[in-house]
């Protein structure tokens, strides 16, 4: 099975920069003006998942709460440390998670759309 999480955004460029520069994902594919949509697929090469973000002339209407989050599990210490360095270098505010589990096992920040993103240290080898 493959997995794709898709979300419409009014901040496509900022979203792309956030997930590539801060989280370390790669642009796997992008498209422009396909049926009035433009978008980008972000992930890691060779894996069976990716994030898709699209934009169009229609405003994105997000209905999320503080527990709608993406959780990333870096598996190498260097990858985790690099993400933390990027968060600090870009002055991204670390926020407290409603779920105390994530406060003990990760760092929570928000992406440009205001969605929670957690970087967890649980899978580091």
PDB file of N, CA and C in Angstrom:
ATOM      1  N   UNK A   1       0.836  -1.174   0.000  1.00  0.00           N
ATOM      2  CA  UNK A   1       0.000   0.000   0.000  1.00  0.00           C
ATOM      3  C   UNK A   1       0.883   1.240   0.000  1.00  0.00           C
ATOM      4  N   UNK A   2       0.451   2.234  -0.718  1.00  0.00           N
ATOM      5  CA  UNK A   2       1.117   3.531  -0.694  1.00  0.00           C
ATOM      6  C   UNK A   2       0.225   4.530   0.027  1.00  0.00           C
ATOM      7  N   UNK A   3       0.820   5.611   0.506  1.00  0.00           N
ATOM      8  CA  UNK A   3       0.073   6.607   1.266  1.00  0.00           C
ATOM      9  C   UNK A   3       0.387   8.003   0.753  1.00  0.00           C
ATOM     10  N   UNK A   4      -0.659   8.792   0.579  1.00  0.00           N
ATOM     11  CA  UNK A   4      -0.516  10.209   0.242  1.00  0.00           C
ATOM     12  C   UNK A   4      -1.445  11.003   1.134  1.00  0.00           C
ATOM     13  N   UNK A   5      -0.919  12.039   1.748  1.00  0.00           N
ATOM     14  CA  UNK A   5      -1.732  12.992   2.476  1.00  0.00           C
ATOM     15  C   UNK A   5      -1.803  14.239   1.614  1.00  0.00           C
ATOM     16  N   UNK A   6      -3.014  14.673   1.284  1.00  0.00           N
ATOM     17  CA  UNK A   6      -3.190  15.825   0.403  1.00  0.00           C
ATOM     18  C   UNK A   6      -3.881  16.949   1.164  1.00  0.00           C
ATOM     19  N   UNK A   7      -3.402  18.181   0.928  1.00  0.00           N
ATOM     20  CA  UNK A   7      -4.001  19.337   1.589  1.00  0.00           C
ATOM     21  C   UNK A   7      -3.927  20.548   0.670  1.00  0.00           C
ATOM     22  N   UNK A   8      -4.991  21.288   0.619  1.00  0.00           N
ATOM     23  CA  UNK A   8      -5.050  22.525  -0.144  1.00  0.00           C
ATOM     24  C   UNK A   8      -4.476  23.646   0.725  1.00  0.00           C
ATOM     25  N   UNK A   9      -3.784  24.584   0.109  1.00  0.00           N
ATOM     26  CA  UNK A   9      -3.151  25.662   0.864  1.00  0.00           C
ATOM     27  C   UNK A   9      -3.190  26.963   0.074  1.00  0.00           C
ATOM     28  N   UNK A  10      -3.165  28.066   0.777  1.00  0.00           N
ATOM     29  CA  UNK A  10      -3.001  29.379   0.161  1.00  0.00           C
ATOM     30  C   UNK A  10      -1.539  29.815   0.217  1.00  0.00           C
ATOM     31  N   UNK A  11      -0.678  28.965   0.760  1.00  0.00           N
ATOM     32  CA  UNK A  11       0.726  29.296   1.012  1.00  0.00           C
ATOM     33  C   UNK A  11       1.664  28.272   0.397  1.00  0.00           C
ATOM     34  N   UNK A  12       1.463  27.934  -0.868  1.00  0.00           N
ATOM     35  CA  UNK A  12       2.200  26.814  -1.465  1.00  0.00           C
ATOM     36  C   UNK A  12       3.712  26.999  -1.382  1.00  0.00           C
ATOM     37  N   UNK A  13       4.218  28.156  -1.726  1.00  0.00           N
ATOM     38  CA  UNK A  13       5.677  28.376  -1.709  1.00  0.00           C
ATOM     39  C   UNK A  13       6.226  28.262  -0.282  1.00  0.00           C
ATOM     40  N   UNK A  14       5.533  28.874   0.677  1.00  0.00           N
ATOM     41  CA  UNK A  14       5.986  28.808   2.069  1.00  0.00           C
ATOM     42  C   UNK A  14       5.920  27.380   2.608  1.00  0.00           C
ATOM     43  N   UNK A  15       4.879  26.646   2.224  1.00  0.00           N
ATOM     44  CA  UNK A  15       4.747  25.247   2.649  1.00  0.00           C
ATOM     45  C   UNK A  15       5.900  24.424   2.074  1.00  0.00           C
ATOM     46  N   UNK A  16       6.185  24.610   0.781  1.00  0.00           N
ATOM     47  CA  UNK A  16       7.289  23.872   0.155  1.00  0.00           C
ATOM     48  C   UNK A  16       8.607  24.174   0.855  1.00  0.00           C
ATOM     49  N   UNK A  17       8.866  25.437   1.117  1.00  0.00           N
ATOM     50  CA  UNK A  17      10.108  25.823   1.792  1.00  0.00           C
ATOM     51  C   UNK A  17      10.176  25.254   3.210  1.00  0.00           C
ATOM     52  N   UNK A  18       9.074  25.287   3.928  1.00  0.00           N
ATOM     53  CA  UNK A  18       9.051  24.759   5.295  1.00  0.00           C
ATOM     54  C   UNK A  18       9.401  23.277   5.312  1.00  0.00           C
ATOM     55  N   UNK A  19       8.708  22.493   4.494  1.00  0.00           N
ATOM     56  CA  UNK A  19       8.916  21.042   4.551  1.00  0.00           C
ATOM     57  C   UNK A  19      10.229  20.595   3.912  1.00  0.00           C
ATOM     58  N   UNK A  20      10.807  21.411   3.025  1.00  0.00           N
ATOM     59  CA  UNK A  20      12.106  21.033   2.467  1.00  0.00           C
ATOM     60  C   UNK A  20      13.248  21.580   3.317  1.00  0.00           C
ATOM     61  N   UNK A  21      13.203  22.848   3.691  1.00  0.00           N
ATOM     62  CA  UNK A  21      14.314  23.449   4.437  1.00  0.00           C
ATOM     63  C   UNK A  21      14.329  23.082   5.916  1.00  0.00           C
ATOM     64  N   UNK A  22      13.167  22.986   6.525  1.00  0.00           N
ATOM     65  CA  UNK A  22      13.109  22.712   7.961  1.00  0.00           C
ATOM     66  C   UNK A  22      13.050  21.206   8.232  1.00  0.00           C
ATOM     67  N   UNK A  23      12.113  20.515   7.614  1.00  0.00           N
ATOM     68  CA  UNK A  23      11.899  19.091   7.881  1.00  0.00           C
ATOM     69  C   UNK A  23      12.842  18.212   7.069  1.00  0.00           C
ATOM     70  N   UNK A  24      13.332  18.697   5.933  1.00  0.00           N
ATOM     71  CA  UNK A  24      14.299  17.933   5.153  1.00  0.00           C
ATOM     72  C   UNK A  24      13.698  17.030   4.082  1.00  0.00           C
ATOM     73  N   UNK A  25      12.428  17.264   3.728  1.00  0.00           N
ATOM     74  CA  UNK A  25      11.829  16.484   2.652  1.00  0.00           C
ATOM     75  C   UNK A  25      12.342  16.986   1.309  1.00  0.00           C
ATOM     76  N   UNK A  26      12.121  16.201   0.284  1.00  0.00           N
ATOM     77  CA  UNK A  26      12.539  16.542  -1.073  1.00  0.00           C
ATOM     78  C   UNK A  26      11.302  16.755  -1.942  1.00  0.00           C
ATOM     79  N   UNK A  27      11.442  17.596  -2.959  1.00  0.00           N
ATOM     80  CA  UNK A  27      10.382  17.738  -3.952  1.00  0.00           C
ATOM     81  C   UNK A  27      10.461  16.525  -4.868  1.00  0.00           C
ATOM     82  N   UNK A  28       9.424  15.711  -4.845  1.00  0.00           N
ATOM     83  CA  UNK A  28       9.377  14.512  -5.677  1.00  0.00           C
ATOM     84  C   UNK A  28       8.758  14.807  -7.034  1.00  0.00           C
ATOM     85  N   UNK A  29       7.845  15.770  -7.071  1.00  0.00           N
ATOM     86  CA  UNK A  29       7.140  16.125  -8.303  1.00  0.00           C
ATOM     87  C   UNK A  29       6.401  17.423  -8.044  1.00  0.00           C
ATOM     88  N   UNK A  30       6.249  18.218  -9.071  1.00  0.00           N
ATOM     89  CA  UNK A  30       5.425  19.418  -8.959  1.00  0.00           C
ATOM     90  C   UNK A  30       4.682  19.622 -10.273  1.00  0.00           C
ATOM     91  N   UNK A  31       3.624  20.385 -10.211  1.00  0.00           N
ATOM     92  CA  UNK A  31       2.840  20.661 -11.413  1.00  0.00           C
ATOM     93  C   UNK A  31       2.243  22.058 -11.312  1.00  0.00           C
ATOM     94  N   UNK A  32       1.943  22.633 -12.480  1.00  0.00           N
ATOM     95  CA  UNK A  32       1.356  23.974 -12.529  1.00  0.00           C
ATOM     96  C   UNK A  32       0.178  23.981 -13.479  1.00  0.00           C
ATOM     97  N   UNK A  33      -0.878  24.656 -13.052  1.00  0.00           N
ATOM     98  CA  UNK A  33      -2.063  24.896 -13.873  1.00  0.00           C
ATOM     99  C   UNK A  33      -2.646  23.634 -14.495  1.00  0.00           C
ATOM    100  N   UNK A  34      -2.758  22.575 -13.698  1.00  0.00           N
ATOM    101  CA  UNK A  34      -3.447  21.364 -14.142  1.00  0.00           C
ATOM    102  C   UNK A  34      -4.890  21.461 -13.643  1.00  0.00           C
ATOM    103  N   UNK A  35      -5.817  21.695 -14.553  1.00  0.00           N
ATOM    104  CA  UNK A  35      -7.226  21.895 -14.178  1.00  0.00           C
ATOM    105  C   UNK A  35      -7.374  22.993 -13.120  1.00  0.00           C
ATOM    106  N   UNK A  36      -6.613  24.068 -13.288  1.00  0.00           N
ATOM    107  CA  UNK A  36      -6.621  25.230 -12.395  1.00  0.00           C
ATOM    108  C   UNK A  36      -5.965  24.980 -11.041  1.00  0.00           C
ATOM    109  N   UNK A  37      -5.232  23.883 -10.902  1.00  0.00           N
ATOM    110  CA  UNK A  37      -4.502  23.589  -9.673  1.00  0.00           C
ATOM    111  C   UNK A  37      -3.007  23.555  -9.968  1.00  0.00           C
ATOM    112  N   UNK A  38      -2.242  24.006  -8.984  1.00  0.00           N
ATOM    113  CA  UNK A  38      -0.794  23.821  -8.989  1.00  0.00           C
ATOM    114  C   UNK A  38      -0.458  23.092  -7.692  1.00  0.00           C
ATOM    115  N   UNK A  39       0.640  22.354  -7.703  1.00  0.00           N
ATOM    116  CA  UNK A  39       0.946  21.625  -6.484  1.00  0.00           C
ATOM    117  C   UNK A  39       2.338  21.046  -6.453  1.00  0.00           C
ATOM    118  N   UNK A  40       2.634  20.445  -5.323  1.00  0.00           N
ATOM    119  CA  UNK A  40       3.942  19.847  -5.099  1.00  0.00           C
ATOM    120  C   UNK A  40       3.760  18.587  -4.260  1.00  0.00           C
ATOM    121  N   UNK A  41       4.546  17.544  -4.595  1.00  0.00           N
ATOM    122  CA  UNK A  41       4.598  16.314  -3.811  1.00  0.00           C
ATOM    123  C   UNK A  41       5.932  16.319  -3.073  1.00  0.00           C
ATOM    124  N   UNK A  42       5.891  16.146  -1.770  1.00  0.00           N
ATOM    125  CA  UNK A  42       7.089  16.184  -0.933  1.00  0.00           C
ATOM    126  C   UNK A  42       7.236  14.870  -0.179  1.00  0.00           C
ATOM    127  N   UNK A  43       8.456  14.398  -0.054  1.00  0.00           N
ATOM    128  CA  UNK A  43       8.699  13.165   0.681  1.00  0.00           C
ATOM    129  C   UNK A  43      10.165  12.805   0.643  1.00  0.00           C
ATOM    130  N   UNK A  44      10.428  11.527   0.714  1.00  0.00           N
ATOM    131  CA  UNK A  44      11.782  10.985   0.623  1.00  0.00           C
ATOM    132  C   UNK A  44      11.792   9.979  -0.522  1.00  0.00           C
ATOM    133  N   UNK A  45      12.786  10.072  -1.379  1.00  0.00           N
ATOM    134  CA  UNK A  45      12.908   9.188  -2.537  1.00  0.00           C
ATOM    135  C   UNK A  45      12.892   7.723  -2.114  1.00  0.00           C
ATOM    136  N   UNK A  46      12.149   6.910  -2.832  1.00  0.00           N
ATOM    137  CA  UNK A  46      12.144   5.477  -2.603  1.00  0.00           C
ATOM    138  C   UNK A  46      11.206   4.989  -1.509  1.00  0.00           C
ATOM    139  N   UNK A  47      10.497   5.896  -0.850  1.00  0.00           N
ATOM    140  CA  UNK A  47       9.549   5.486   0.178  1.00  0.00           C
ATOM    141  C   UNK A  47       8.138   5.453  -0.409  1.00  0.00           C
ATOM    142  N   UNK A  48       7.223   4.785   0.266  1.00  0.00           N
ATOM    143  CA  UNK A  48       5.886   4.608  -0.283  1.00  0.00           C
ATOM    144  C   UNK A  48       4.867   5.597   0.287  1.00  0.00           C
ATOM    145  N   UNK A  49       5.317   6.789   0.621  1.00  0.00           N
ATOM    146  CA  UNK A  49       4.423   7.835   1.109  1.00  0.00           C
ATOM    147  C   UNK A  49       4.911   9.194   0.632  1.00  0.00           C
ATOM    148  N   UNK A  50       4.011  10.144   0.578  1.00  0.00           N
ATOM    149  CA  UNK A  50       4.396  11.532   0.324  1.00  0.00           C
ATOM    150  C   UNK A  50       3.265  12.466   0.739  1.00  0.00           C
ATOM    151  N   UNK A  51       3.603  13.719   0.860  1.00  0.00           N
ATOM    152  CA  UNK A  51       2.637  14.775   1.145  1.00  0.00           C
ATOM    153  C   UNK A  51       2.379  15.526  -0.145  1.00  0.00           C
ATOM    154  N   UNK A  52       1.124  15.821  -0.414  1.00  0.00           N
ATOM    155  CA  UNK A  52       0.770  16.633  -1.585  1.00  0.00           C
ATOM    156  C   UNK A  52       0.112  17.912  -1.096  1.00  0.00           C
ATOM    157  N   UNK A  53       0.597  19.030  -1.595  1.00  0.00           N
ATOM    158  CA  UNK A  53      -0.003  20.317  -1.286  1.00  0.00           C
ATOM    159  C   UNK A  53      -0.410  20.959  -2.598  1.00  0.00           C
ATOM    160  N   UNK A  54      -1.641  21.466  -2.651  1.00  0.00           N
ATOM    161  CA  UNK A  54      -2.144  22.097  -3.864  1.00  0.00           C
ATOM    162  C   UNK A  54      -2.640  23.493  -3.559  1.00  0.00           C
ATOM    163  N   UNK A  55      -2.716  24.290  -4.614  1.00  0.00           N
ATOM    164  CA  UNK A  55      -3.288  25.620  -4.515  1.00  0.00           C
ATOM    165  C   UNK A  55      -4.104  25.877  -5.768  1.00  0.00           C
ATOM    166  N   UNK A  56      -5.051  26.766  -5.667  1.00  0.00           N
ATOM    167  CA  UNK A  56      -5.891  27.155  -6.803  1.00  0.00           C
ATOM    168  C   UNK A  56      -6.453  28.539  -6.515  1.00  0.00           C
ATOM    169  N   UNK A  57      -7.386  28.958  -7.322  1.00  0.00           N
ATOM    170  CA  UNK A  57      -8.029  30.250  -7.092  1.00  0.00           C
ATOM    171  C   UNK A  57      -9.003  30.213  -5.917  1.00  0.00           C
ATOM    172  N   UNK A  58      -9.345  29.006  -5.474  1.00  0.00           N
ATOM    173  CA  UNK A  58     -10.248  28.877  -4.337  1.00  0.00           C
ATOM    174  C   UNK A  58      -9.467  28.927  -3.034  1.00  0.00           C
ATOM    175  N   UNK A  59      -9.982  29.686  -2.080  1.00  0.00           N
ATOM    176  CA  UNK A  59      -9.332  29.829  -0.781  1.00  0.00           C
ATOM    177  C   UNK A  59      -9.391  28.510  -0.009  1.00  0.00           C
ATOM    178  N   UNK A  60      -8.295  28.165   0.625  1.00  0.00           N
ATOM    179  CA  UNK A  60      -8.256  26.973   1.479  1.00  0.00           C
ATOM    180  C   UNK A  60      -9.067  27.253   2.739  1.00  0.00           C
ATOM    181  N   UNK A  61      -9.930  26.330   3.089  1.00  0.00           N
ATOM    182  CA  UNK A  61     -10.739  26.475   4.300  1.00  0.00           C
ATOM    183  C   UNK A  61     -10.425  25.312   5.224  1.00  0.00           C
ATOM    184  N   UNK A  62      -9.478  25.526   6.111  1.00  0.00           N
ATOM    185  CA  UNK A  62      -9.058  24.469   7.023  1.00  0.00           C
ATOM    186  C   UNK A  62      -9.935  24.444   8.252  1.00  0.00           C
ATOM    187  N   UNK A  63     -10.308  23.257   8.647  1.00  0.00           N
ATOM    188  CA  UNK A  63     -11.050  23.053   9.884  1.00  0.00           C
ATOM    189  C   UNK A  63     -10.277  22.017  10.693  1.00  0.00           C
ATOM    190  N   UNK A  64      -9.305  22.479  11.431  1.00  0.00           N
ATOM    191  CA  UNK A  64      -8.454  21.578  12.182  1.00  0.00           C
ATOM    192  C   UNK A  64      -8.450  21.993  13.638  1.00  0.00           C
ATOM    193  N   UNK A  65      -7.972  21.104  14.468  1.00  0.00           N
ATOM    194  CA  UNK A  65      -7.795  21.455  15.874  1.00  0.00           C
ATOM    195  C   UNK A  65      -6.355  21.139  16.283  1.00  0.00           C
ATOM    196  N   UNK A  66      -6.042  21.354  17.524  1.00  0.00           N
ATOM    197  CA  UNK A  66      -4.657  21.233  17.986  1.00  0.00           C
ATOM    198  C   UNK A  66      -4.124  19.810  17.961  1.00  0.00           C
ATOM    199  N   UNK A  67      -4.993  18.826  17.728  1.00  0.00           N
ATOM    200  CA  UNK A  67      -4.519  17.450  17.679  1.00  0.00           C
ATOM    201  C   UNK A  67      -4.429  16.922  16.247  1.00  0.00           C
ATOM    202  N   UNK A  68      -4.660  17.770  15.256  1.00  0.00           N
ATOM    203  CA  UNK A  68      -4.410  17.409  13.857  1.00  0.00           C
ATOM    204  C   UNK A  68      -2.951  17.717  13.575  1.00  0.00           C
ATOM    205  N   UNK A  69      -2.123  16.685  13.598  1.00  0.00           N
ATOM    206  CA  UNK A  69      -0.683  16.878  13.506  1.00  0.00           C
ATOM    207  C   UNK A  69      -0.068  15.882  12.525  1.00  0.00           C
ATOM    208  N   UNK A  70       1.071  16.243  12.007  1.00  0.00           N
ATOM    209  CA  UNK A  70       1.930  15.321  11.275  1.00  0.00           C
ATOM    210  C   UNK A  70       3.088  14.998  12.208  1.00  0.00           C
ATOM    211  N   UNK A  71       3.464  13.729  12.275  1.00  0.00           N
ATOM    212  CA  UNK A  71       4.575  13.325  13.137  1.00  0.00           C
ATOM    213  C   UNK A  71       5.661  12.719  12.261  1.00  0.00           C
ATOM    214  N   UNK A  72       6.855  13.241  12.382  1.00  0.00           N
ATOM    215  CA  UNK A  72       8.015  12.733  11.658  1.00  0.00           C
ATOM    216  C   UNK A  72       8.956  12.073  12.657  1.00  0.00           C
ATOM    217  N   UNK A  73       9.467  10.893  12.270  1.00  0.00           N
ATOM    218  CA  UNK A  73      10.370  10.120  13.117  1.00  0.00           C
ATOM    219  C   UNK A  73      11.719   9.967  12.414  1.00  0.00           C
ATOM    220  N   UNK A  74      12.615  10.932  12.552  1.00  0.00           N
ATOM    221  CA  UNK A  74      13.956  10.724  11.995  1.00  0.00           C
ATOM    222  C   UNK A  74      14.569   9.466  12.608  1.00  0.00           C
ATOM    223  N   UNK A  75      15.299   8.716  11.787  1.00  0.00           N
ATOM    224  CA  UNK A  75      15.902   7.477  12.287  1.00  0.00           C
ATOM    225  C   UNK A  75      17.398   7.616  12.570  1.00  0.00           C
ATOM    226  N   UNK A  76      17.968   8.708  12.158  1.00  0.00           N
ATOM    227  CA  UNK A  76      19.397   8.965  12.393  1.00  0.00           C
ATOM    228  C   UNK A  76      19.550  10.214  13.253  1.00  0.00           C
ATOM    229  N   UNK A  77      20.469  10.182  14.179  1.00  0.00           N
ATOM    230  CA  UNK A  77      20.728  11.325  15.064  1.00  0.00           C
ATOM    231  C   UNK A  77      21.052  12.584  14.266  1.00  0.00           C
ATOM    232  N   UNK A  78      21.860  12.457  13.211  1.00  0.00           N
ATOM    233  CA  UNK A  78      22.252  13.623  12.411  1.00  0.00           C
ATOM    234  C   UNK A  78      21.034  14.272  11.756  1.00  0.00           C
ATOM    235  N   UNK A  79      20.101  13.456  11.291  1.00  0.00           N
ATOM    236  CA  UNK A  79      18.889  13.999  10.664  1.00  0.00           C
ATOM    237  C   UNK A  79      18.044  14.757  11.698  1.00  0.00           C
ATOM    238  N   UNK A  80      17.871  14.168  12.853  1.00  0.00           N
ATOM    239  CA  UNK A  80      17.122  14.828  13.928  1.00  0.00           C
ATOM    240  C   UNK A  80      17.802  16.140  14.330  1.00  0.00           C
ATOM    241  N   UNK A  81      19.107  16.082  14.559  1.00  0.00           N
ATOM    242  CA  UNK A  81      19.849  17.275  14.968  1.00  0.00           C
ATOM    243  C   UNK A  81      19.761  18.369  13.913  1.00  0.00           C
ATOM    244  N   UNK A  82      19.799  17.999  12.631  1.00  0.00           N
ATOM    245  CA  UNK A  82      19.703  18.985  11.564  1.00  0.00           C
ATOM    246  C   UNK A  82      18.336  19.670  11.575  1.00  0.00           C
ATOM    247  N   UNK A  83      17.270  18.911  11.790  1.00  0.00           N
ATOM    248  CA  UNK A  83      15.941  19.512  11.854  1.00  0.00           C
ATOM    249  C   UNK A  83      15.856  20.489  13.018  1.00  0.00           C
ATOM    250  N   UNK A  84      16.356  20.089  14.179  1.00  0.00           N
ATOM    251  CA  UNK A  84      16.349  20.976  15.349  1.00  0.00           C
ATOM    252  C   UNK A  84      17.154  22.238  15.051  1.00  0.00           C
ATOM    253  N   UNK A  85      18.299  22.105  14.410  1.00  0.00           N
ATOM    254  CA  UNK A  85      19.114  23.275  14.047  1.00  0.00           C
ATOM    255  C   UNK A  85      18.352  24.198  13.102  1.00  0.00           C
ATOM    256  N   UNK A  86      17.642  23.630  12.143  1.00  0.00           N
ATOM    257  CA  UNK A  86      16.874  24.446  11.199  1.00  0.00           C
ATOM    258  C   UNK A  86      15.717  25.161  11.896  1.00  0.00           C
ATOM    259  N   UNK A  87      15.063  24.479  12.816  1.00  0.00           N
ATOM    260  CA  UNK A  87      13.989  25.114  13.588  1.00  0.00           C
ATOM    261  C   UNK A  87      14.540  26.325  14.330  1.00  0.00           C
ATOM    262  N   UNK A  88      15.683  26.153  14.962  1.00  0.00           N
ATOM    263  CA  UNK A  88      16.285  27.249  15.724  1.00  0.00           C
ATOM    264  C   UNK A  88      16.819  28.344  14.811  1.00  0.00           C
ATOM    265  N   UNK A  89      17.461  27.968  13.704  1.00  0.00           N
ATOM    266  CA  UNK A  89      18.028  28.960  12.779  1.00  0.00           C
ATOM    267  C   UNK A  89      16.951  29.824  12.133  1.00  0.00           C
ATOM    268  N   UNK A  90      15.763  29.271  11.950  1.00  0.00           N
ATOM    269  CA  UNK A  90      14.663  30.010  11.328  1.00  0.00           C
ATOM    270  C   UNK A  90      13.715  30.614  12.368  1.00  0.00           C
ATOM    271  N   UNK A  91      14.141  30.577  13.633  1.00  0.00           N
ATOM    272  CA  UNK A  91      13.364  31.157  14.731  1.00  0.00           C
ATOM    273  C   UNK A  91      11.915  30.686  14.744  1.00  0.00           C
ATOM    274  N   UNK A  92      11.728  29.386  14.529  1.00  0.00           N
ATOM    275  CA  UNK A  92      10.393  28.818  14.566  1.00  0.00           C
ATOM    276  C   UNK A  92      10.062  28.484  16.012  1.00  0.00           C
ATOM    277  N   UNK A  93       8.932  28.978  16.450  1.00  0.00           N
ATOM    278  CA  UNK A  93       8.525  28.789  17.835  1.00  0.00           C
ATOM    279  C   UNK A  93       8.169  27.333  18.110  1.00  0.00           C
ATOM    280  N   UNK A  94       8.738  26.796  19.166  1.00  0.00           N
ATOM    281  CA  UNK A  94       8.353  25.472  19.649  1.00  0.00           C
ATOM    282  C   UNK A  94       7.117  25.674  20.515  1.00  0.00           C
ATOM    283  N   UNK A  95       6.112  24.854  20.276  1.00  0.00           N
ATOM    284  CA  UNK A  95       4.866  25.011  21.015  1.00  0.00           C
ATOM    285  C   UNK A  95       4.587  23.756  21.839  1.00  0.00           C
ATOM    286  N   UNK A  96       3.791  23.910  22.862  1.00  0.00           N
ATOM    287  CA  UNK A  96       3.443  22.794  23.725  1.00  0.00           C
ATOM    288  C   UNK A  96       2.285  22.032  23.094  1.00  0.00           C
ATOM    289  N   UNK A  97       2.411  20.727  23.051  1.00  0.00           N
ATOM    290  CA  UNK A  97       1.358  19.873  22.533  1.00  0.00           C
ATOM    291  C   UNK A  97       0.271  19.686  23.586  1.00  0.00           C
ATOM    292  N   UNK A  98      -0.959  19.566  23.134  1.00  0.00           N
ATOM    293  CA  UNK A  98      -2.055  19.262  24.055  1.00  0.00           C
ATOM    294  C   UNK A  98      -1.851  17.879  24.670  1.00  0.00           C
ATOM    295  N   UNK A  99      -1.313  16.954  23.871  1.00  0.00           N
ATOM    296  CA  UNK A  99      -1.053  15.599  24.335  1.00  0.00           C
ATOM    297  C   UNK A  99       0.326  15.570  25.003  1.00  0.00           C
ATOM    298  N   UNK A 100       0.409  15.343  26.302  1.00  0.00           N
ATOM    299  CA  UNK A 100       1.700  15.381  27.002  1.00  0.00           C
ATOM    300  C   UNK A 100       2.718  14.363  26.481  1.00  0.00           C
ATOM    301  N   UNK A 101       2.255  13.293  25.841  1.00  0.00           N
ATOM    302  CA  UNK A 101       3.161  12.292  25.278  1.00  0.00           C
ATOM    303  C   UNK A 101       4.152  12.955  24.322  1.00  0.00           C
ATOM    304  N   UNK A 102       3.653  13.865  23.482  1.00  0.00           N
ATOM    305  CA  UNK A 102       4.530  14.499  22.492  1.00  0.00           C
ATOM    306  C   UNK A 102       5.472  15.513  23.119  1.00  0.00           C
ATOM    307  N   UNK A 103       5.098  16.095  24.220  1.00  0.00           N
ATOM    308  CA  UNK A 103       6.011  17.015  24.910  1.00  0.00           C
ATOM    309  C   UNK A 103       7.221  16.277  25.458  1.00  0.00           C
ATOM    310  N   UNK A 104       7.033  15.008  25.816  1.00  0.00           N
ATOM    311  CA  UNK A 104       8.134  14.185  26.323  1.00  0.00           C
ATOM    312  C   UNK A 104       8.929  13.518  25.210  1.00  0.00           C
ATOM    313  N   UNK A 105       8.315  13.342  24.043  1.00  0.00           N
ATOM    314  CA  UNK A 105       8.927  12.522  22.996  1.00  0.00           C
ATOM    315  C   UNK A 105       9.125  13.239  21.670  1.00  0.00           C
ATOM    316  N   UNK A 106       9.067  14.556  21.685  1.00  0.00           N
ATOM    317  CA  UNK A 106       9.286  15.275  20.445  1.00  0.00           C
ATOM    318  C   UNK A 106       9.251  16.776  20.630  1.00  0.00           C
ATOM    319  N   UNK A 107       9.383  17.439  19.513  1.00  0.00           N
ATOM    320  CA  UNK A 107       9.308  18.897  19.445  1.00  0.00           C
ATOM    321  C   UNK A 107       8.129  19.221  18.546  1.00  0.00           C
ATOM    322  N   UNK A 108       7.258  20.126  18.993  1.00  0.00           N
ATOM    323  CA  UNK A 108       6.113  20.516  18.175  1.00  0.00           C
ATOM    324  C   UNK A 108       6.284  21.947  17.697  1.00  0.00           C
ATOM    325  N   UNK A 109       6.027  22.125  16.402  1.00  0.00           N
ATOM    326  CA  UNK A 109       6.042  23.433  15.766  1.00  0.00           C
ATOM    327  C   UNK A 109       4.808  23.518  14.879  1.00  0.00           C
ATOM    328  N   UNK A 110       4.608  24.648  14.211  1.00  0.00           N
ATOM    329  CA  UNK A 110       3.498  24.783  13.275  1.00  0.00           C
ATOM    330  C   UNK A 110       4.036  25.084  11.884  1.00  0.00           C
ATOM    331  N   UNK A 111       3.366  24.516  10.872  1.00  0.00           N
ATOM    332  CA  UNK A 111       3.731  24.838   9.496  1.00  0.00           C
ATOM    333  C   UNK A 111       3.058  26.153   9.097  1.00  0.00           C
ATOM    334  N   UNK A 112       3.346  26.705   7.923  1.00  0.00           N
ATOM    335  CA  UNK A 112       2.781  28.001   7.532  1.00  0.00           C
ATOM    336  C   UNK A 112       1.259  28.071   7.487  1.00  0.00           C
ATOM    337  N   UNK A 113       0.567  26.933   7.430  1.00  0.00           N
ATOM    338  CA  UNK A 113      -0.892  26.928   7.478  1.00  0.00           C
ATOM    339  C   UNK A 113      -1.423  26.836   8.900  1.00  0.00           C
ATOM    340  N   UNK A 114      -0.539  26.685   9.884  1.00  0.00           N
ATOM    341  CA  UNK A 114      -0.949  26.587  11.272  1.00  0.00           C
ATOM    342  C   UNK A 114      -1.164  25.171  11.769  1.00  0.00           C
ATOM    343  N   UNK A 115      -0.867  24.169  10.937  1.00  0.00           N
ATOM    344  CA  UNK A 115      -1.004  22.780  11.368  1.00  0.00           C
ATOM    345  C   UNK A 115       0.198  22.377  12.216  1.00  0.00           C
ATOM    346  N   UNK A 116      -0.054  21.549  13.217  1.00  0.00           N
ATOM    347  CA  UNK A 116       1.001  21.065  14.085  1.00  0.00           C
ATOM    348  C   UNK A 116       1.885  20.048  13.382  1.00  0.00           C
ATOM    349  N   UNK A 117       3.181  20.160  13.636  1.00  0.00           N
ATOM    350  CA  UNK A 117       4.177  19.232  13.115  1.00  0.00           C
ATOM    351  C   UNK A 117       5.058  18.829  14.290  1.00  0.00           C
ATOM    352  N   UNK A 118       5.184  17.526  14.488  1.00  0.00           N
ATOM    353  CA  UNK A 118       6.018  17.016  15.573  1.00  0.00           C
ATOM    354  C   UNK A 118       7.209  16.286  14.975  1.00  0.00           C
ATOM    355  N   UNK A 119       8.381  16.568  15.520  1.00  0.00           N
ATOM    356  CA  UNK A 119       9.593  15.842  15.169  1.00  0.00           C
ATOM    357  C   UNK A 119       9.960  15.051  16.418  1.00  0.00           C
ATOM    358  N   UNK A 120       9.866  13.730  16.296  1.00  0.00           N
ATOM    359  CA  UNK A 120      10.072  12.858  17.445  1.00  0.00           C
ATOM    360  C   UNK A 120      11.462  12.215  17.398  1.00  0.00           C
ATOM    361  N   UNK A 121      12.016  11.970  18.569  1.00  0.00           N
ATOM    362  CA  UNK A 121      13.322  11.317  18.682  1.00  0.00           C
ATOM    363  C   UNK A 121      13.192   9.823  18.988  1.00  0.00           C
ATOM    364  N   UNK A 122      11.984   9.286  18.939  1.00  0.00           N
ATOM    365  CA  UNK A 122      11.749   7.907  19.367  1.00  0.00           C
ATOM    366  C   UNK A 122      12.367   6.830  18.483  1.00  0.00           C
ATOM    367  N   UNK A 123      12.604   7.093  17.213  1.00  0.00           N
ATOM    368  CA  UNK A 123      13.093   6.048  16.298  1.00  0.00           C
ATOM    369  C   UNK A 123      14.578   6.188  15.967  1.00  0.00           C
ATOM    370  N   UNK A 124      15.278   7.094  16.650  1.00  0.00           N
ATOM    371  CA  UNK A 124      16.692   7.299  16.371  1.00  0.00           C
ATOM    372  C   UNK A 124      17.474   6.073  16.804  1.00  0.00           C
ATOM    373  N   UNK A 125      18.326   5.597  15.913  1.00  0.00           N
ATOM    374  CA  UNK A 125      19.136   4.405  16.185  1.00  0.00           C
ATOM    375  C   UNK A 125      20.386   4.765  16.947  1.00  0.00           C
TER     376      UNK A 125
END
